Amino acid sequence: MFQVEEKIAENSAVHVLLMGQTIEQVLQKGVAAHKEGRFQEAEDFYRAILQSQPAHPDANHNLGILAVASNQPNTALRLFQTALESDPNIEIFWHSYVDALVKTNQLKSAKKMVKKAAKKGFNHKKLKALLLQSKNHTNTQDPPKAQIRLILDYYQNGRYLEAEKLALIVTQKFPQHQFAWKALGTILRKVGRANESLTAGQKSVELAPKDAEAHNNLGNTLKELGRLREAKESFIQAIACRSDYAIAHYNLGSILKEQGRYDKAEESYCRAITLKPDLAEVHNNLGIMLEELGRLDEAEASYSRAIASKPDYTEAHSNLGNVLKGLGRDEESVSCFRQAFANRTGIRPMGDYVLSPAITSIYFELTNKCNFHCSFCPSDDQKRSLGYMDLELVKRLYEESADKKIANVVNLHLMGEPTLHPQLIEILKFGASKNIKTDLVTNISTLVDKNISKILDSLYGTLIASHMTPTKETYHFRGDVGLSWDRYTSNLRSLVREYMKRLAEGVQTKSSITIRVMVTQNTASNVNIIGTSNEAGSILQEWYEFVAEIERELGIPPFNRQDLNIEDVTRGNNYSNTSYLLQQGITLKFWRAFTFANTRVSDQFDLQPTRQSSYCSKPFTNVGVLWNGDVTLCDLDHDGELKVGNIRDSSIETMIQSDAAQELRSSMLGESPLPSICQKCQERPFQRRNEE
């Protein structure tokens, strides 16, 4: 906060002066802000006065007091000296100046000033008492209250560097002052330095073992470091100190969820809600868990309660959209996504509101080349040329996505195998530097040991291992790829092993793994991969056993995996996916097979045209940038037939607001002709009757 006098920023107080306020009126505003702990505002008022009257005694003196609180005694000394020279008849000015001389170890000068003050008739005994500070001022156990208030003021105004510096000074001078350690730990975690935060948090708990907030803060740091068992104990300690601490119950629930203990997690979430019903984040996270468990109606209710508590809660609007989509209520889901998009980006619609974007998914196609030839994928049927996206274009897309918050996650996929891009690692690192998550979809073929480590070191987001053919018997659907089944499965297991090794070593990770398995049960897919719940159960059991084996090998405590219900592993394959946690950060997801816009339909099915166009959410929620810069609004548009423009001389925002984009969306409402690819996609497969 504190800058030397020469640099006087243009601020609100300057404008107040320009509006005709007197110096005295501005001073009173500064004093009022100072007393109420609004230190930055007070400084602005005092500096505005000095811009008009540099020698103003009260403004200089009060700025000096702020400098003392900021532990800047030399700056304070200059300000107090100016105040004293401007008006030597004010006793407090002498007191403050002598005090500053003592704090800067200028004892001879301090003694001279005490004598001068005595000659002017001031109480020299009080001033002499200040000289004793040079001997015993370090013995006090508590810092000035103004310093503590200033730490809070810095933190609440997002001035974390200044808050950290002052908190460090206080902990060094007053090492037994618990609040300073607690504040330092919170500040360090806020700026992403969890390892340093841990030491401060542990010291805070040591000094005040009954402080529930300190235990809760320590738990948050441990959770961020991936030390879930210790984090759980900290949250339990916080609750033991204060049983009605709603946030601690919520945080405990989050840990239990990550450990796969869903029943206990739900109890903790509900306890937090009982204690504090308006905690929107708790309702939202309870909804996420219920959605993962397939309890979509209950998830909808939780998200709705989150929004009722916090109407501008972007994540809850988006999550409600997802669950409504899962319930088949597409138009309602797009309405939620549109609200979330507007809240998140600030981008306002151009033209008809119902045709405006509601982006949830953005795709950067690094390449449309693929080294697999899967029967269930149209990659080999592409008519467009093959190539790689330029690195500079990828970076520009990441920058716009991050700056405008176009979507929460970037998907590095549409067609092709993204790990074939020669600059993949640089791309992943750049995405991480923009603090935007990336979903990296891979067919697993390139995941040899050296690549696994590089990817896990660079990726901020999720590595989606496309394990679509999970058995040796179904692997032939991948085509003639020159990679044996044993090598293929070895790559995937090496990925899981390396990730778990990092968990065992306590390595802080910023990525997760999703193993995606295709389920063709009750679909019109042209392949038969997993057709029954029993088959899915066998795959899940195999992975449970493999992960348990690695846990024993690495000495990791057994993860509380969800019990198998063979009768309902895939929930009848009636949903787009069903997920199971294998370990912290590792998920197995059964993925309902689709027919790629009816280009991959079984020979046992015929396609029946629809009488009228059906509503499709993809042109509202999807935006994909193909490797050459062409933009499509559908992730199933493998050949770029729905191109709405090219981004090389444009932007994502312009593309999704364009006339071409709005016309495509209007076709979903029956207001314009449906493109041929959409017509085919909307045809309904029906199984051909066996002829006798």
Foldseek 3Di string as FASTA:
>chain_A
DDDALVDQDDDDLLVVVVVPDDLVVLQVVLVVCVVVLLNVSSLNSLSSSCVVVVLAQVSLQVSLVVCVLLVNLVSSLVSLVSNCVVPVPDVVSLQSNLLSCLVVVVLVVSVVSLVVCVVVPDDSVSSVVSNCCNPCVLVDQDDPVSNVSVLVSCVVVVVLVSSLVSLVVRCVSRVLPLVSLLSNLVSCVVVPNLVVSLVSLVSSCVSPVLQLVSLQSNLVSCVLLLNLVSSLVSLVSSCVSPVLPLVSLQSNLVSCVLLVNNVSSLVSLVSSCVSPVLPLVSLQVNLVSCVLVVVLVSSLVSLVSSCVSPVLPLSSLQSNLVSCVQVVNNLSSLVSLQSSQCSQQVDDADDDPSLAFSAAAEEEAQWQAALWDFLLDCSVVAPDDTDGADPVVLLVQLQCCLVRVNYQEYEHHQHYANVPRPCVLVSLQSSVVSVGAYEHEHCLPPQDPVVLVSCQVRHQEEDEHACAQVDQVRCCSRPDRVAHPVRSVVSVLSNVLVVVLCSLVSHRGRYFYEYEYEDAAPHQFQDHHHHALQSVLVSVVVLLVSLVVSCVVSVNPQRPWDDDDSRQQFPSVSGQWHWTDSHRRYIYIYGYRDRLLVPGGHPQKDWAFDPAAAADCQLRHYWYQYSQQFIASHSSCSHNPLTQDGPPVHHPSCSSNDPSSSQQNVVSVVNDPHDPSSRSSPTDIDGDDDDD
